[in-house]
PDB file of N, CA and C in Angstrom:
ATOM      1  N   MET A   1      92.916  89.745 -16.729  1.00  0.00           N
ATOM      2  CA  MET A   1      93.668  89.082 -17.262  1.00  0.00           C
ATOM      3  C   MET A   1      94.234  89.752 -18.231  1.00  0.00           C
ATOM      4  N   GLU A   2      93.206  90.933 -18.457  1.00  0.00           N
ATOM      5  CA  GLU A   2      93.995  91.772 -19.734  1.00  0.00           C
ATOM      6  C   GLU A   2      93.926  93.342 -19.426  1.00  0.00           C
ATOM      7  N   GLN A   3      93.881  93.197 -17.747  1.00  0.00           N
ATOM      8  CA  GLN A   3      94.264  94.701 -16.976  1.00  0.00           C
ATOM      9  C   GLN A   3      95.904  93.811 -17.156  1.00  0.00           C
ATOM     10  N   MET A   4      96.109  92.489 -16.724  1.00  0.00           N
ATOM     11  CA  MET A   4      97.702  92.286 -16.502  1.00  0.00           C
ATOM     12  C   MET A   4      98.263  91.984 -17.489  1.00  0.00           C
ATOM     13  N   ILE A   5      97.965  92.352 -18.912  1.00  0.00           N
ATOM     14  CA  ILE A   5      98.168  91.794 -20.421  1.00  0.00           C
ATOM     15  C   ILE A   5      98.856  93.149 -20.796  1.00  0.00           C
ATOM     16  N   ARG A   6      98.009  94.197 -20.402  1.00  0.00           N
ATOM     17  CA  ARG A   6      97.876  95.592 -20.722  1.00  0.00           C
ATOM     18  C   ARG A   6      99.310  96.235 -19.964  1.00  0.00           C
ATOM     19  N   GLN A   7      99.015  95.633 -18.512  1.00  0.00           N
ATOM     20  CA  GLN A   7     100.054  95.675 -18.260  1.00  0.00           C
ATOM     21  C   GLN A   7     101.246  95.790 -18.232  1.00  0.00           C
ATOM     22  N   ALA A   8     101.835  95.026 -19.614  1.00  0.00           N
ATOM     23  CA  ALA A   8     103.432  94.630 -19.982  1.00  0.00           C
ATOM     24  C   ALA A   8     103.523  93.293 -18.469  1.00  0.00           C
ATOM     25  N   LYS A   9     102.812  92.818 -17.963  1.00  0.00           N
ATOM     26  CA  LYS A   9     103.477  91.232 -16.580  1.00  0.00           C
ATOM     27  C   LYS A   9     103.768  90.452 -18.416  1.00  0.00           C
ATOM     28  N   GLU A  10     104.795  88.847 -17.645  1.00  0.00           N
ATOM     29  CA  GLU A  10     105.152  88.159 -17.930  1.00  0.00           C
ATOM     30  C   GLU A  10     103.931  87.265 -18.391  1.00  0.00           C
ATOM     31  N   PRO A  11     104.178  86.795 -19.637  1.00  0.00           N
ATOM     32  CA  PRO A  11     102.813  85.500 -19.753  1.00  0.00           C
ATOM     33  C   PRO A  11     102.883  84.232 -18.870  1.00  0.00           C
ATOM     34  N   GLY A  12     103.749  83.738 -18.155  1.00  0.00           N
ATOM     35  CA  GLY A  12     104.624  82.990 -17.009  1.00  0.00           C
ATOM     36  C   GLY A  12     103.975  83.040 -15.908  1.00  0.00           C
ATOM     37  N   VAL A  13     103.634  84.414 -15.170  1.00  0.00           N
ATOM     38  CA  VAL A  13     103.204  85.595 -14.168  1.00  0.00           C
ATOM     39  C   VAL A  13     101.493  85.171 -14.228  1.00  0.00           C
ATOM     40  N   ILE A  14     101.051  85.253 -15.826  1.00  0.00           N
ATOM     41  CA  ILE A  14     100.042  85.742 -15.707  1.00  0.00           C
ATOM     42  C   ILE A  14      99.691  84.931 -15.138  1.00  0.00           C
ATOM     43  N   ALA A  15      99.709  83.311 -16.269  1.00  0.00           N
ATOM     44  CA  ALA A  15      99.338  82.312 -16.003  1.00  0.00           C
ATOM     45  C   ALA A  15      99.163  81.278 -14.969  1.00  0.00           C
ATOM     46  N   GLU A  16     100.346  81.481 -14.238  1.00  0.00           N
ATOM     47  CA  GLU A  16     100.388  81.250 -12.579  1.00  0.00           C
ATOM     48  C   GLU A  16      99.233  81.610 -11.952  1.00  0.00           C
ATOM     49  N   HIS A  17      98.945  83.187 -12.131  1.00  0.00           N
ATOM     50  CA  HIS A  17      97.620  84.379 -11.468  1.00  0.00           C
ATOM     51  C   HIS A  17      96.695  83.159 -11.296  1.00  0.00           C
ATOM     52  N   PHE A  18      96.422  82.869 -12.795  1.00  0.00           N
ATOM     53  CA  PHE A  18      94.970  82.707 -13.311  1.00  0.00           C
ATOM     54  C   PHE A  18      94.837  80.874 -13.332  1.00  0.00           C
ATOM     55  N   GLY A  19      96.279  80.059 -13.277  1.00  0.00           N
ATOM     56  CA  GLY A  19      96.177  79.159 -13.178  1.00  0.00           C
ATOM     57  C   GLY A  19      95.327  77.920 -14.507  1.00  0.00           C
ATOM     58  N   CYS A  20      96.279  79.235 -15.871  1.00  0.00           N
ATOM     59  CA  CYS A  20      96.152  78.470 -17.292  1.00  0.00           C
ATOM     60  C   CYS A  20      97.360  78.617 -17.398  1.00  0.00           C
ATOM     61  N   THR A  21      97.280  78.172 -19.332  1.00  0.00           N
ATOM     62  CA  THR A  21      98.758  77.842 -19.987  1.00  0.00           C
ATOM     63  C   THR A  21      99.428  79.195 -20.231  1.00  0.00           C
ATOM     64  N   THR A  22     100.899  78.881 -20.701  1.00  0.00           N
ATOM     65  CA  THR A  22     100.989  80.722 -21.037  1.00  0.00           C
ATOM     66  C   THR A  22     100.840  80.359 -22.673  1.00  0.00           C
ATOM     67  N   ARG A  23     100.421  79.340 -23.290  1.00  0.00           N
ATOM     68  CA  ARG A  23      99.981  79.459 -24.582  1.00  0.00           C
ATOM     69  C   ARG A  23      98.295  80.086 -24.522  1.00  0.00           C
ATOM     70  N   TYR A  24      97.903  79.662 -23.408  1.00  0.00           N
ATOM     71  CA  TYR A  24      96.347  80.265 -23.443  1.00  0.00           C
ATOM     72  C   TYR A  24      96.466  82.160 -23.114  1.00  0.00           C
ATOM     73  N   VAL A  25      97.390  82.449 -22.308  1.00  0.00           N
ATOM     74  CA  VAL A  25      97.363  84.544 -22.127  1.00  0.00           C
ATOM     75  C   VAL A  25      98.421  84.538 -23.307  1.00  0.00           C
ATOM     76  N   THR A  26      99.052  84.049 -24.425  1.00  0.00           N
ATOM     77  CA  THR A  26      99.960  84.565 -25.602  1.00  0.00           C
ATOM     78  C   THR A  26      98.953  84.293 -26.714  1.00  0.00           C
ATOM     79  N   THR A  27      98.026  83.836 -26.584  1.00  0.00           N
ATOM     80  CA  THR A  27      96.351  83.963 -27.333  1.00  0.00           C
ATOM     81  C   THR A  27      95.818  84.919 -26.774  1.00  0.00           C
ATOM     82  N   MET A  28      95.929  85.184 -25.669  1.00  0.00           N
ATOM     83  CA  MET A  28      94.319  86.255 -25.149  1.00  0.00           C
ATOM     84  C   MET A  28      95.881  87.541 -25.497  1.00  0.00           C
ATOM     85  N   ALA A  29      97.066  87.552 -25.343  1.00  0.00           N
ATOM     86  CA  ALA A  29      97.529  88.482 -25.623  1.00  0.00           C
ATOM     87  C   ALA A  29      97.845  89.141 -27.419  1.00  0.00           C
ATOM     88  N   ASN A  30      97.286  88.146 -28.178  1.00  0.00           N
ATOM     89  CA  ASN A  30      97.390  88.354 -29.458  1.00  0.00           C
ATOM     90  C   ASN A  30      96.001  89.449 -29.590  1.00  0.00           C
ATOM     91  N   ARG A  31      95.130  88.456 -29.309  1.00  0.00           N
ATOM     92  CA  ARG A  31      93.552  89.271 -29.536  1.00  0.00           C
ATOM     93  C   ARG A  31      93.299  90.479 -29.018  1.00  0.00           C
ATOM     94  N   VAL A  32      94.215  90.447 -28.080  1.00  0.00           N
ATOM     95  CA  VAL A  32      94.282  92.347 -27.269  1.00  0.00           C
ATOM     96  C   VAL A  32      94.958  93.158 -27.862  1.00  0.00           C
ATOM     97  N   LEU A  33      96.313  92.614 -28.586  1.00  0.00           N
ATOM     98  CA  LEU A  33      97.167  93.104 -29.157  1.00  0.00           C
ATOM     99  C   LEU A  33      96.032  93.291 -30.676  1.00  0.00           C
ATOM    100  N   VAL A  34      95.547  92.545 -31.762  1.00  0.00           N
ATOM    101  CA  VAL A  34      94.686  92.814 -32.424  1.00  0.00           C
ATOM    102  C   VAL A  34      93.298  93.235 -32.607  1.00  0.00           C
ATOM    103  N   PHE A  35      92.568  92.461 -31.703  1.00  0.00           N
ATOM    104  CA  PHE A  35      90.894  93.378 -31.726  1.00  0.00           C
ATOM    105  C   PHE A  35      91.163  94.593 -30.993  1.00  0.00           C
ATOM    106  N   GLY A  36      92.120  94.161 -30.004  1.00  0.00           N
ATOM    107  CA  GLY A  36      91.569  95.451 -28.938  1.00  0.00           C
ATOM    108  C   GLY A  36      90.917  94.533 -27.497  1.00  0.00           C
ATOM    109  N   LEU A  37      90.513  94.125 -27.972  1.00  0.00           N
ATOM    110  CA  LEU A  37      89.774  93.116 -26.572  1.00  0.00           C
ATOM    111  C   LEU A  37      89.920  91.032 -26.200  1.00  0.00           C
ATOM    112  N   ILE A  38      89.643  90.953 -25.040  1.00  0.00           N
ATOM    113  CA  ILE A  38      90.407  89.804 -25.051  1.00  0.00           C
ATOM    114  C   ILE A  38      88.526  88.477 -25.531  1.00  0.00           C
ATOM    115  N   LYS A  39      87.877  89.444 -25.920  1.00  0.00           N
ATOM    116  CA  LYS A  39      86.496  88.875 -26.841  1.00  0.00           C
ATOM    117  C   LYS A  39      86.783  87.900 -27.805  1.00  0.00           C
ATOM    118  N   ASP A  40      85.922  86.588 -28.059  1.00  0.00           N
ATOM    119  CA  ASP A  40      86.049  86.327 -28.769  1.00  0.00           C
ATOM    120  C   ASP A  40      85.597  87.204 -30.804  1.00  0.00           C
ATOM    121  N   PRO A  41      86.489  87.684 -31.496  1.00  0.00           N
ATOM    122  CA  PRO A  41      86.214  87.998 -32.423  1.00  0.00           C
ATOM    123  C   PRO A  41      84.848  87.312 -32.868  1.00  0.00           C
ATOM    124  N   LYS A  42      84.654  86.212 -32.860  1.00  0.00           N
ATOM    125  CA  LYS A  42      83.452  86.365 -34.272  1.00  0.00           C
ATOM    126  C   LYS A  42      82.473  86.630 -33.112  1.00  0.00           C
ATOM    127  N   LEU A  43      82.271  86.682 -31.600  1.00  0.00           N
ATOM    128  CA  LEU A  43      81.485  86.959 -31.032  1.00  0.00           C
ATOM    129  C   LEU A  43      81.498  88.520 -31.401  1.00  0.00           C
ATOM    130  N   CYS A  44      81.899  89.328 -31.356  1.00  0.00           N
ATOM    131  CA  CYS A  44      82.438  91.030 -31.717  1.00  0.00           C
ATOM    132  C   CYS A  44      81.482  90.973 -33.488  1.00  0.00           C
ATOM    133  N   ARG A  45      80.769  92.304 -32.809  1.00  0.00           N
ATOM    134  CA  ARG A  45      79.951  92.781 -34.360  1.00  0.00           C
ATOM    135  C   ARG A  45      80.955  93.860 -34.601  1.00  0.00           C
ATOM    136  N   ARG A  46      80.993  94.360 -35.789  1.00  0.00           N
ATOM    137  CA  ARG A  46      81.737  95.209 -35.945  1.00  0.00           C
ATOM    138  C   ARG A  46      80.489  96.456 -36.195  1.00  0.00           C
ATOM    139  N   SER A  47      79.861  96.228 -36.565  1.00  0.00           N
ATOM    140  CA  SER A  47      78.428  97.223 -36.889  1.00  0.00           C
ATOM    141  C   SER A  47      77.261  96.216 -36.514  1.00  0.00           C
ATOM    142  N   PRO A  48      75.883  96.793 -36.432  1.00  0.00           N
ATOM    143  CA  PRO A  48      74.957  95.858 -36.549  1.00  0.00           C
ATOM    144  C   PRO A  48      74.225  95.651 -37.610  1.00  0.00           C
ATOM    145  N   ALA A  49      73.941  94.564 -37.788  1.00  0.00           N
ATOM    146  CA  ALA A  49      73.574  94.347 -39.196  1.00  0.00           C
ATOM    147  C   ALA A  49      72.378  94.988 -39.733  1.00  0.00           C
ATOM    148  N   PRO A  50      72.015  95.141 -40.899  1.00  0.00           N
ATOM    149  CA  PRO A  50      70.757  96.029 -41.625  1.00  0.00           C
ATOM    150  C   PRO A  50      69.392  94.649 -41.335  1.00  0.00           C
ATOM    151  N   VAL A  51      68.487  95.378 -40.933  1.00  0.00           N
ATOM    152  CA  VAL A  51      67.389  94.281 -40.524  1.00  0.00           C
ATOM    153  C   VAL A  51      66.486  94.896 -41.741  1.00  0.00           C
ATOM    154  N   PHE A  52      65.875  93.629 -42.410  1.00  0.00           N
ATOM    155  CA  PHE A  52      64.823  93.545 -43.572  1.00  0.00           C
ATOM    156  C   PHE A  52      63.425  93.789 -42.454  1.00  0.00           C
ATOM    157  N   ASN A  53      63.006  94.536 -43.025  1.00  0.00           N
ATOM    158  CA  ASN A  53      60.799  94.474 -41.854  1.00  0.00           C
ATOM    159  C   ASN A  53      60.741  94.028 -43.361  1.00  0.00           C
ATOM    160  N   THR A  54      59.696  93.532 -43.016  1.00  0.00           N
ATOM    161  CA  THR A  54      58.449  93.049 -44.653  1.00  0.00           C
ATOM    162  C   THR A  54      58.573  94.198 -45.553  1.00  0.00           C
ATOM    163  N   THR A  55      58.618  94.908 -44.924  1.00  0.00           N
ATOM    164  CA  THR A  55      57.974  96.149 -46.267  1.00  0.00           C
ATOM    165  C   THR A  55      59.454  96.249 -47.263  1.00  0.00           C
ATOM    166  N   MET A  56      60.368  95.740 -46.455  1.00  0.00           N
ATOM    167  CA  MET A  56      62.014  95.865 -47.353  1.00  0.00           C
ATOM    168  C   MET A  56      61.993  94.514 -48.152  1.00  0.00           C
ATOM    169  N   LYS A  57      61.282  93.836 -47.369  1.00  0.00           N
ATOM    170  CA  LYS A  57      61.261  92.177 -48.218  1.00  0.00           C
ATOM    171  C   LYS A  57      60.304  92.236 -49.566  1.00  0.00           C
ATOM    172  N   GLU A  58      59.393  92.938 -49.269  1.00  0.00           N
ATOM    173  CA  GLU A  58      58.233  92.724 -50.886  1.00  0.00           C
ATOM    174  C   GLU A  58      58.838  94.147 -51.812  1.00  0.00           C
ATOM    175  N   GLU A  59      59.666  94.601 -51.239  1.00  0.00           N
ATOM    176  CA  GLU A  59      59.520  96.004 -51.994  1.00  0.00           C
ATOM    177  C   GLU A  59      61.407  95.111 -52.986  1.00  0.00           C
ATOM    178  N   LEU A  60      61.871  94.442 -52.296  1.00  0.00           N
ATOM    179  CA  LEU A  60      63.055  92.933 -52.904  1.00  0.00           C
ATOM    180  C   LEU A  60      62.567  92.598 -53.817  1.00  0.00           C
ATOM    181  N   ALA A  61      61.694  91.432 -52.924  1.00  0.00           N
ATOM    182  CA  ALA A  61      60.956  90.077 -54.410  1.00  0.00           C
ATOM    183  C   ALA A  61      60.014  91.272 -55.708  1.00  0.00           C
ATOM    184  N   TRP A  62      60.009  92.303 -55.020  1.00  0.00           N
ATOM    185  CA  TRP A  62      58.702  93.157 -56.347  1.00  0.00           C
ATOM    186  C   TRP A  62      60.450  93.801 -57.517  1.00  0.00           C
ATOM    187  N   LEU A  63      61.278  93.902 -57.130  1.00  0.00           N
ATOM    188  CA  LEU A  63      62.676  94.509 -57.879  1.00  0.00           C
ATOM    189  C   LEU A  63      63.232  93.044 -58.054  1.00  0.00           C
ATOM    190  N   ILE A  64      63.263  92.200 -57.616  1.00  0.00           N
ATOM    191  CA  ILE A  64      63.676  90.630 -59.007  1.00  0.00           C
ATOM    192  C   ILE A  64      62.537  90.178 -59.715  1.00  0.00           C
ATOM    193  N   ILE A  65      61.545  90.657 -59.108  1.00  0.00           N
ATOM    194  CA  ILE A  65      60.921  89.667 -60.660  1.00  0.00           C
ATOM    195  C   ILE A  65      60.253  91.346 -61.514  1.00  0.00           C
ATOM    196  N   SER A  66      60.148  92.868 -60.685  1.00  0.00           N
ATOM    197  CA  SER A  66      60.333  93.496 -62.193  1.00  0.00           C
ATOM    198  C   SER A  66      61.499  93.325 -62.895  1.00  0.00           C
ATOM    199  N   ARG A  67      62.860  93.702 -62.272  1.00  0.00           N
ATOM    200  CA  ARG A  67      63.710  93.597 -62.857  1.00  0.00           C
ATOM    201  C   ARG A  67      65.577  92.443 -62.085  1.00  0.00           C
ATOM    202  N   SER A  68      64.804  91.914 -63.205  1.00  0.00           N
ATOM    203  CA  SER A  68      65.620  90.670 -62.519  1.00  0.00           C
ATOM    204  C   SER A  68      67.282  90.502 -63.273  1.00  0.00           C
ATOM    205  N   ASP A  69      67.585  91.438 -63.799  1.00  0.00           N
ATOM    206  CA  ASP A  69      68.827  91.923 -64.312  1.00  0.00           C
ATOM    207  C   ASP A  69      69.383  92.595 -63.327  1.00  0.00           C
ATOM    208  N   TYR A  70      69.167  92.776 -62.061  1.00  0.00           N
ATOM    209  CA  TYR A  70      70.156  93.702 -60.767  1.00  0.00           C
ATOM    210  C   TYR A  70      71.331  92.318 -60.551  1.00  0.00           C
ATOM    211  N   TYR A  71      71.813  93.634 -60.310  1.00  0.00           N
ATOM    212  CA  TYR A  71      73.170  92.415 -59.456  1.00  0.00           C
ATOM    213  C   TYR A  71      72.828  92.602 -58.195  1.00  0.00           C
ATOM    214  N   GLN A  72      73.023  92.295 -57.154  1.00  0.00           N
ATOM    215  CA  GLN A  72      73.502  92.442 -55.854  1.00  0.00           C
ATOM    216  C   GLN A  72      74.362  93.894 -55.318  1.00  0.00           C
ATOM    217  N   GLU A  73      75.276  94.808 -56.529  1.00  0.00           N
ATOM    218  CA  GLU A  73      75.935  95.719 -55.846  1.00  0.00           C
ATOM    219  C   GLU A  73      74.679  96.664 -56.074  1.00  0.00           C
ATOM    220  N   GLU A  74      74.213  96.915 -56.972  1.00  0.00           N
ATOM    221  CA  GLU A  74      72.998  97.501 -57.058  1.00  0.00           C
ATOM    222  C   GLU A  74      71.653  97.292 -56.612  1.00  0.00           C
ATOM    223  N   LEU A  75      71.389  96.851 -56.281  1.00  0.00           N
ATOM    224  CA  LEU A  75      70.326  96.555 -54.839  1.00  0.00           C
ATOM    225  C   LEU A  75      70.640  97.083 -53.507  1.00  0.00           C
ATOM    226  N   GLN A  76      72.238  96.739 -53.296  1.00  0.00           N
ATOM    227  CA  GLN A  76      72.631  97.494 -52.300  1.00  0.00           C
ATOM    228  C   GLN A  76      72.505  99.163 -52.386  1.00  0.00           C
ATOM    229  N   PHE A  77      72.656  99.065 -53.009  1.00  0.00           N
ATOM    230  CA  PHE A  77      72.419 101.086 -53.855  1.00  0.00           C
ATOM    231  C   PHE A  77      71.232 101.365 -53.551  1.00  0.00           C
ATOM    232  N   TYR A  78      70.147 100.546 -54.246  1.00  0.00           N
ATOM    233  CA  TYR A  78      68.739 100.690 -54.700  1.00  0.00           C
ATOM    234  C   TYR A  78      68.817 101.126 -52.900  1.00  0.00           C
ATOM    235  N   PHE A  79      68.992 100.215 -51.767  1.00  0.00           N
ATOM    236  CA  PHE A  79      68.362 100.382 -50.657  1.00  0.00           C
ATOM    237  C   PHE A  79      69.128 101.087 -48.997  1.00  0.00           C
ATOM    238  N   LEU A  80      70.123 101.970 -50.248  1.00  0.00           N
ATOM    239  CA  LEU A  80      71.510 103.212 -49.406  1.00  0.00           C
ATOM    240  C   LEU A  80      69.902 104.392 -50.232  1.00  0.00           C
ATOM    241  N   ASP A  81      70.344 104.504 -50.968  1.00  0.00           N
ATOM    242  CA  ASP A  81      69.162 104.895 -51.673  1.00  0.00           C
ATOM    243  C   ASP A  81      67.870 105.527 -51.187  1.00  0.00           C
ATOM    244  N   ASN A  82      66.998 104.500 -51.268  1.00  0.00           N
ATOM    245  CA  ASN A  82      65.743 104.444 -50.365  1.00  0.00           C
ATOM    246  C   ASN A  82      66.192 104.466 -49.608  1.00  0.00           C
ATOM    247  N   TRP A  83      66.133 103.914 -48.418  1.00  0.00           N
ATOM    248  CA  TRP A  83      66.100 103.283 -46.574  1.00  0.00           C
ATOM    249  C   TRP A  83      66.739 103.154 -46.027  1.00  0.00           C
ATOM    250  N   HIS A  84      68.159 103.710 -46.674  1.00  0.00           N
ATOM    251  CA  HIS A  84      69.620 104.532 -46.127  1.00  0.00           C
ATOM    252  C   HIS A  84      70.047 103.350 -44.902  1.00  0.00           C
ATOM    253  N   VAL A  85      70.207 101.803 -45.772  1.00  0.00           N
ATOM    254  CA  VAL A  85      70.355 100.939 -45.276  1.00  0.00           C
ATOM    255  C   VAL A  85      72.000 100.246 -45.870  1.00  0.00           C
ATOM    256  N   TRP A  86      72.965  99.912 -45.755  1.00  0.00           N
ATOM    257  CA  TRP A  86      73.321  99.482 -46.620  1.00  0.00           C
ATOM    258  C   TRP A  86      73.530  97.968 -46.377  1.00  0.00           C
ATOM    259  N   PRO A  87      72.459  97.082 -46.670  1.00  0.00           N
ATOM    260  CA  PRO A  87      72.836  95.842 -46.556  1.00  0.00           C
ATOM    261  C   PRO A  87      74.290  94.887 -47.081  1.00  0.00           C
ATOM    262  N   SER A  88      74.808  93.914 -46.620  1.00  0.00           N
ATOM    263  CA  SER A  88      75.989  93.254 -47.188  1.00  0.00           C
ATOM    264  C   SER A  88      75.234  91.996 -48.173  1.00  0.00           C
ATOM    265  N   GLN A  89      76.442  92.141 -49.241  1.00  0.00           N
ATOM    266  CA  GLN A  89      75.653  90.917 -50.286  1.00  0.00           C
ATOM    267  C   GLN A  89      75.365  89.289 -49.422  1.00  0.00           C
ATOM    268  N   PRO A  90      75.792  89.009 -48.497  1.00  0.00           N
ATOM    269  CA  PRO A  90      75.346  87.337 -48.305  1.00  0.00           C
ATOM    270  C   PRO A  90      73.809  87.871 -46.823  1.00  0.00           C
ATOM    271  N   THR A  91      73.617  89.211 -46.835  1.00  0.00           N
ATOM    272  CA  THR A  91      72.258  89.152 -46.290  1.00  0.00           C
ATOM    273  C   THR A  91      71.292  89.765 -47.811  1.00  0.00           C
ATOM    274  N   ILE A  92      71.572  90.729 -48.206  1.00  0.00           N
ATOM    275  CA  ILE A  92      70.365  90.401 -49.724  1.00  0.00           C
ATOM    276  C   ILE A  92      70.323  88.756 -50.308  1.00  0.00           C
ATOM    277  N   SER A  93      70.966  87.817 -50.121  1.00  0.00           N
ATOM    278  CA  SER A  93      70.801  86.152 -50.782  1.00  0.00           C
ATOM    279  C   SER A  93      70.298  85.503 -49.633  1.00  0.00           C
ATOM    280  N   ARG A  94      70.431  85.650 -48.542  1.00  0.00           N
ATOM    281  CA  ARG A  94      69.729  85.273 -46.992  1.00  0.00           C
ATOM    282  C   ARG A  94      68.439  85.640 -47.731  1.00  0.00           C
ATOM    283  N   VAL A  95      67.920  86.973 -47.220  1.00  0.00           N
ATOM    284  CA  VAL A  95      66.486  87.319 -47.572  1.00  0.00           C
ATOM    285  C   VAL A  95      66.088  86.544 -48.892  1.00  0.00           C
ATOM    286  N   ILE A  96      67.011  86.957 -50.056  1.00  0.00           N
ATOM    287  CA  ILE A  96      66.425  86.678 -50.900  1.00  0.00           C
ATOM    288  C   ILE A  96      65.722  84.563 -51.342  1.00  0.00           C
ATOM    289  N   THR A  97      66.624  83.751 -50.481  1.00  0.00           N
ATOM    290  CA  THR A  97      66.212  82.426 -50.117  1.00  0.00           C
ATOM    291  C   THR A  97      65.323  82.292 -49.260  1.00  0.00           C
ATOM    292  N   SER A  98      64.841  83.354 -48.590  1.00  0.00           N
ATOM    293  CA  SER A  98      63.557  83.473 -47.635  1.00  0.00           C
ATOM    294  C   SER A  98      62.347  84.063 -47.748  1.00  0.00           C
ATOM    295  N   LEU A  99      62.606  83.907 -49.633  1.00  0.00           N
ATOM    296  CA  LEU A  99      61.281  84.330 -49.894  1.00  0.00           C
ATOM    297  C   LEU A  99      61.030  83.537 -50.392  1.00  0.00           C
ATOM    298  N   ASP A 100      61.422  82.032 -51.172  1.00  0.00           N
ATOM    299  CA  ASP A 100      60.805  81.737 -51.999  1.00  0.00           C
ATOM    300  C   ASP A 100      59.881  81.802 -52.530  1.00  0.00           C
ATOM    301  N   LEU A 101      60.934  82.266 -53.888  1.00  0.00           N
ATOM    302  CA  LEU A 101      60.399  82.629 -54.893  1.00  0.00           C
ATOM    303  C   LEU A 101      60.410  81.485 -55.869  1.00  0.00           C
ATOM    304  N   THR A 102      59.421  81.188 -56.847  1.00  0.00           N
ATOM    305  CA  THR A 102      59.661  79.596 -57.406  1.00  0.00           C
ATOM    306  C   THR A 102      60.921  80.052 -58.439  1.00  0.00           C
ATOM    307  N   TRP A 103      60.955  79.324 -59.702  1.00  0.00           N
ATOM    308  CA  TRP A 103      62.208  79.590 -60.262  1.00  0.00           C
ATOM    309  C   TRP A 103      61.758  80.014 -61.883  1.00  0.00           C
ATOM    310  N   LYS A 104      59.694  80.726 -61.796  1.00  0.00           N
ATOM    311  CA  LYS A 104      59.752  80.808 -63.104  1.00  0.00           C
ATOM    312  C   LYS A 104      59.191  82.217 -62.671  1.00  0.00           C
ATOM    313  N   LYS A 105      59.230  82.499 -61.418  1.00  0.00           N
ATOM    314  CA  LYS A 105      58.811  84.055 -61.246  1.00  0.00           C
ATOM    315  C   LYS A 105      60.677  84.494 -61.460  1.00  0.00           C
ATOM    316  N   ALA A 106      61.392  84.244 -60.619  1.00  0.00           N
ATOM    317  CA  ALA A 106      62.967  84.875 -60.410  1.00  0.00           C
ATOM    318  C   ALA A 106      63.555  84.711 -61.811  1.00  0.00           C
TER     319      ALA A 106
END
């Protein structure tokens, strides 16, 4: 289907060939136009997500306990400087919640 869309075939012709609706063909054509692929954009990763290993988690826990006034942006720059990894803020939040720190420690 993607090949026929790239060849600029009419949506009706493609729909008849594959036995689907023209609306579906139009949706797929929009995906090809916007994302360059027919695959669902939610399934396509833009870049690999950084993985926190156990040492990085321990270091993050140490940072939170010793320097509790750090913002997430500062934590991102810390990991960029020391680990050459740029974790997203949601990733940092997920790791912090996975540490199971008590409110007293945090």
